Each structure stands twice: as structure tokens, then as C-alpha cells.
Amino acid sequence: MSSRRLFPAIVATAVLCVAAAGCAPTPQPVETRLPPGLEAQSPRPSVAVPSPTVVTLSPAPSATAVPAPSVGTVGADVLECGGGENQSVSGSERSVQITGTCGEVTVSGSAIEIDASTATITTLRISGDRARVSAGPLGSVVVQGNDGVVTSSASIDSVDVSGDRTRIEAAGDISAVTVRGQDNVVRSGGNVGSAVVEGRGNQIG
């Protein structure tokens, strides 16, 4: 090919390239799209958790114990002796109040409680277990049973106990004592006269 033909061809080619470059589209910004499920999630807002409140509880008021009624004063049967008459009490788990001037008072049964603190009794005769007698002055006391208690706020003329673990106490003198059994106690706030004791563990004084 001659140089005269080559030059026009080069010029034509250059013109085409410039025209093509002028018609080329303007590059657009690239937008990145993520597949569904992988889209960026905005962080969840933080939730302020309040600190626990300390509540001080006042201690519950303590229950006040109600004292039990005295034996022989509330809910007890009442026996009144006339001019030296006799009275008898029998049964179990009873409370009896005796007043007046009595000849002989007989107590038979178990767990009987006698309040004779305002009475005068010539002879107190107990047959049974766990008798409890509170008395004033007593003439003679005869106990046949176990685990009895007799107390006198004055003196006792004579005590005769047959059984175990009976306790006799007088604020004044006890003139005579006879005990047969074990672990019986006879106490006097004054003097003890004659004493006859048979058995083990008895205390007289």
C-alpha cells in the first residue's frame, strides 16, 4: 500500500475512535447489594436495667404468751364444807376448789388438782397417782399412790406415805412421819418429829 492511501486510513480511524469515546456512557457509581438475609442490621438499642431495690423488712412482733389460769381458781368445781363435814373427790384430770372447815377429804383417781388453801382439813386421804393438793393447816395426811404433791402453808400433824416419788411440804412443823416406798420427799419449814422410813432414796427433813 502506498503512503498516500495509508494516511487517510489512519486519520479516519482516529476520528472514529474520538467519536466513539465521546458517545461512551458516563460511569455510574457502583452500588453494592447483599443477598437477602445478609443485609447489615442496625444495632439494637441498649436497654437500661434498673438495679434491684433493697427493702428492709421490720421483724414481725413476737407473740405474747398468755399465762395459764391458776389451778383451782378458774373453771374448777367448788366444794364447801360446813361445820366439819366430810367431802370426797374422784375422777381424773379434774380441778376442785375446797373451802370451809372439813372433817375428812378423800381424793381418789388420777391427776386431780385440789385448791384447799382457804380451807381447814382434819384428815386428807389420797388414793391414786399424780394428785396435787395445795392446802392450809392439815391434821393428818395419808397418801397411797405415786407422784403426788401436797403442800401446806401452815403445819401438818402427821404424814403417812405408801408409794413412790411423793412430795410433802409444810411451811410449819410436821409432828410425825411414816414413809414406805422409794424416792419420797418430806420437807418441813420448821421441825420434824418422829420418823419411820422404809425404802430407798427417801428424804426427810
Protein backbone atom coordinates (compact mmCIF):
# COMPACT_ATOMS: atom_id res chain seq x y z
CA MET A 1 0.00 0.00 0.00
CA SER A 2 1.31 3.48 -0.78
CA SER A 3 1.78 6.14 1.85
CA ARG A 4 -0.87 8.28 0.24
CA ARG A 5 -3.52 5.65 0.91
CA LEU A 6 -2.25 4.78 4.43
CA PHE A 7 -2.52 8.32 5.85
CA PRO A 8 -6.22 8.86 5.11
CA ALA A 9 -6.95 5.48 6.67
CA ILE A 10 -5.15 6.39 9.88
CA VAL A 11 -6.96 9.70 10.08
CA ALA A 12 -10.32 8.02 9.60
CA THR A 13 -9.55 5.51 12.27
CA ALA A 14 -8.59 8.22 14.74
CA VAL A 15 -11.78 10.15 14.06
CA LEU A 16 -13.85 7.05 14.71
CA CYS A 17 -12.05 6.41 17.99
CA VAL A 18 -12.69 10.01 19.19
CA ALA A 19 -16.33 9.81 18.21
CA ALA A 20 -16.67 6.53 19.98
CA ALA A 21 -15.09 7.97 23.10
CA GLY A 22 -17.47 10.96 23.04
CA CYS A 23 -20.51 8.72 22.85
CA ALA A 24 -19.40 6.37 25.65
CA PRO A 25 -21.71 6.47 28.70
CA THR A 26 -20.58 8.28 31.88
CA PRO A 27 -19.51 5.76 34.52
CA GLN A 28 -22.16 5.41 37.27
CA PRO A 29 -21.38 4.87 40.95
CA VAL A 30 -21.31 1.25 41.99
CA GLU A 31 -23.98 0.19 44.49
CA THR A 32 -23.27 -2.91 46.49
CA ARG A 33 -26.31 -5.13 47.20
CA LEU A 34 -26.10 -8.03 49.59
CA PRO A 35 -28.15 -11.18 49.20
CA PRO A 36 -31.35 -11.37 51.29
CA GLY A 37 -30.67 -12.39 54.93
CA LEU A 38 -27.18 -10.86 54.94
CA GLU A 39 -28.22 -7.22 54.90
CA ALA A 40 -26.48 -5.14 57.55
CA GLN A 41 -28.65 -4.82 60.61
CA SER A 42 -28.60 -1.72 62.73
CA PRO A 43 -27.50 -2.41 66.32
CA ARG A 44 -30.32 -2.90 68.80
CA PRO A 45 -30.74 -0.06 71.25
CA SER A 46 -29.40 -0.90 74.69
CA VAL A 47 -31.98 -1.21 77.47
CA ALA A 48 -31.06 0.14 80.87
CA VAL A 49 -31.83 -2.42 83.58
CA PRO A 50 -32.59 -0.78 86.92
CA SER A 51 -30.58 -2.02 89.87
CA PRO A 52 -32.58 -4.09 92.40
CA THR A 53 -34.10 -2.15 95.26
CA VAL A 54 -33.23 -3.43 98.72
CA VAL A 55 -36.28 -3.47 101.00
CA THR A 56 -35.70 -3.79 104.74
CA LEU A 57 -38.48 -5.75 106.43
CA SER A 58 -39.30 -4.98 110.02
CA PRO A 59 -39.29 -8.07 112.25
CA ALA A 60 -42.72 -9.48 112.98
CA PRO A 61 -43.91 -8.74 116.50
CA SER A 62 -43.35 -11.64 118.83
CA ALA A 63 -46.40 -13.35 120.18
CA THR A 64 -47.07 -12.61 123.81
CA ALA A 65 -47.61 -15.73 125.84
CA VAL A 66 -50.83 -15.73 127.79
CA PRO A 67 -50.32 -17.23 131.25
CA ALA A 68 -52.44 -20.23 132.07
CA PRO A 69 -55.02 -19.73 134.81
CA SER A 70 -54.08 -20.86 138.30
CA VAL A 71 -55.22 -24.34 139.19
CA GLY A 72 -58.34 -24.41 141.30
CA THR A 73 -59.42 -20.83 140.63
CA VAL A 74 -60.80 -20.70 137.07
CA GLY A 75 -63.07 -23.42 135.74
CA ALA A 76 -62.78 -25.54 138.90
CA ASP A 77 -65.57 -27.33 140.72
CA VAL A 78 -66.24 -25.84 144.15
CA LEU A 79 -66.92 -27.89 147.28
CA GLU A 80 -67.81 -26.15 150.53
CA CYS A 81 -67.54 -27.85 153.87
CA GLY A 82 -69.98 -26.92 156.62
CA GLY A 83 -69.27 -27.50 160.28
CA GLY A 84 -66.63 -30.20 159.88
CA GLU A 85 -68.45 -32.34 157.30
CA ASN A 86 -66.63 -34.78 155.02
CA GLN A 87 -66.11 -34.35 151.29
CA SER A 88 -64.85 -36.66 148.54
CA VAL A 89 -63.40 -36.00 145.11
CA SER A 90 -62.95 -38.68 142.46
CA GLY A 91 -62.23 -38.95 138.74
CA SER A 92 -59.27 -37.99 136.60
CA GLU A 93 -57.78 -34.73 135.39
CA ARG A 94 -60.12 -32.60 137.47
CA SER A 95 -59.63 -29.28 139.24
CA VAL A 96 -61.55 -28.76 142.50
CA GLN A 97 -61.62 -25.88 144.99
CA ILE A 98 -62.50 -26.70 148.61
CA THR A 99 -63.50 -24.09 151.17
CA GLY A 100 -64.67 -24.11 154.77
CA THR A 101 -63.89 -26.36 157.72
CA CYS A 102 -63.75 -30.00 156.66
CA GLY A 103 -63.57 -33.24 158.60
CA GLU A 104 -62.12 -35.80 156.16
CA VAL A 105 -61.46 -35.08 152.49
CA THR A 106 -60.99 -38.17 150.33
CA VAL A 107 -59.34 -37.87 146.91
CA SER A 108 -59.36 -40.89 144.59
CA GLY A 109 -58.38 -41.07 140.95
CA SER A 110 -55.54 -39.72 138.84
CA ALA A 111 -54.24 -36.25 138.02
CA ILE A 112 -56.68 -34.49 140.36
CA GLU A 113 -55.75 -30.98 141.48
CA ILE A 114 -57.15 -29.59 144.74
CA ASP A 115 -57.01 -25.99 145.89
CA ALA A 116 -57.80 -26.02 149.60
CA SER A 117 -55.67 -23.06 150.54
CA THR A 118 -58.58 -21.32 152.31
CA ALA A 119 -59.92 -24.49 153.97
CA THR A 120 -59.14 -26.27 157.22
CA ILE A 121 -58.93 -30.06 156.82
CA THR A 122 -58.71 -32.54 159.69
CA THR A 123 -57.74 -35.54 157.52
CA LEU A 124 -56.62 -35.57 153.90
CA ARG A 125 -56.69 -39.05 152.38
CA ILE A 126 -55.35 -39.57 148.84
CA SER A 127 -55.64 -42.80 146.85
CA GLY A 128 -54.26 -42.60 143.32
CA ASP A 129 -51.44 -41.16 141.26
CA ARG A 130 -50.37 -37.61 140.37
CA ALA A 131 -52.61 -35.83 142.86
CA ARG A 132 -51.78 -32.16 143.50
CA VAL A 133 -53.08 -30.56 146.71
CA SER A 134 -52.45 -27.02 147.95
CA ALA A 135 -53.81 -26.58 151.47
CA GLY A 136 -53.77 -24.53 154.63
CA PRO A 137 -53.32 -26.25 158.00
CA LEU A 138 -53.71 -30.03 157.85
CA GLY A 139 -54.29 -32.57 160.60
CA SER A 140 -53.17 -35.89 159.13
CA VAL A 141 -52.15 -36.63 155.53
CA VAL A 142 -52.41 -40.19 154.20
CA VAL A 143 -51.15 -40.88 150.66
CA GLN A 144 -51.41 -44.23 148.87
CA GLY A 145 -50.09 -43.74 145.36
CA ASN A 146 -47.27 -42.37 143.27
CA ASP A 147 -46.06 -38.98 142.07
CA GLY A 148 -48.29 -36.95 144.38
CA VAL A 149 -47.60 -33.46 145.75
CA VAL A 150 -49.11 -31.97 148.94
CA THR A 151 -48.14 -28.52 150.17
CA SER A 152 -49.36 -26.80 153.32
CA SER A 153 -48.99 -23.10 154.09
CA ALA A 154 -49.05 -23.97 157.81
CA SER A 155 -48.25 -27.12 159.77
CA ILE A 156 -49.15 -30.83 159.43
CA ASP A 157 -49.81 -33.09 162.41
CA SER A 158 -48.83 -36.39 160.76
CA VAL A 159 -47.76 -37.75 157.36
CA ASP A 160 -48.22 -41.36 156.19
CA VAL A 161 -46.99 -42.17 152.68
CA SER A 162 -47.14 -45.53 150.87
CA GLY A 163 -45.82 -45.29 147.31
CA ASP A 164 -43.07 -43.75 145.25
CA ARG A 165 -41.97 -40.23 144.34
CA THR A 166 -44.47 -38.36 146.52
CA ARG A 167 -43.52 -34.94 147.87
CA ILE A 168 -44.96 -33.45 151.09
CA GLU A 169 -44.02 -29.92 152.14
CA ALA A 170 -45.18 -27.81 155.09
CA ALA A 171 -44.30 -24.24 155.97
CA GLY A 172 -44.54 -25.15 159.66
CA ASP A 173 -43.80 -28.22 161.74
CA ILE A 174 -44.56 -31.85 160.90
CA SER A 175 -45.08 -33.80 164.11
CA ALA A 176 -44.77 -37.39 162.82
CA VAL A 177 -43.69 -39.03 159.54
CA THR A 178 -44.10 -42.57 158.25
CA VAL A 179 -42.86 -43.42 154.76
CA ARG A 180 -42.92 -46.72 152.85
CA GLY A 181 -41.58 -46.69 149.30
CA GLN A 182 -38.89 -45.09 147.21
CA ASP A 183 -37.74 -41.57 146.36
CA ASN A 184 -40.32 -39.83 148.55
CA VAL A 185 -39.57 -36.37 149.98
CA VAL A 186 -41.00 -34.86 153.18
CA ARG A 187 -39.88 -31.29 153.90
CA SER A 188 -40.70 -29.05 156.84
CA GLY A 189 -40.11 -25.35 157.25
CA GLY A 190 -39.99 -25.97 160.99
CA ASN A 191 -39.24 -29.17 162.85
CA VAL A 192 -39.90 -32.83 162.04
CA GLY A 193 -40.86 -35.03 165.00
CA SER A 194 -40.66 -38.81 164.88
CA ALA A 195 -39.89 -40.50 161.56
CA VAL A 196 -40.27 -44.10 160.40
CA VAL A 197 -38.84 -44.70 156.93
CA GLU A 198 -38.84 -47.90 154.84
CA GLY A 199 -37.39 -47.94 151.32
CA ARG A 200 -34.66 -46.37 149.26
CA GLY A 201 -33.97 -42.79 148.26
CA ASN A 202 -36.41 -41.19 150.71
CA GLN A 203 -35.58 -37.74 152.07
CA ILE A 204 -36.96 -36.48 155.37
CA GLY A 205 -36.07 -33.14 156.80
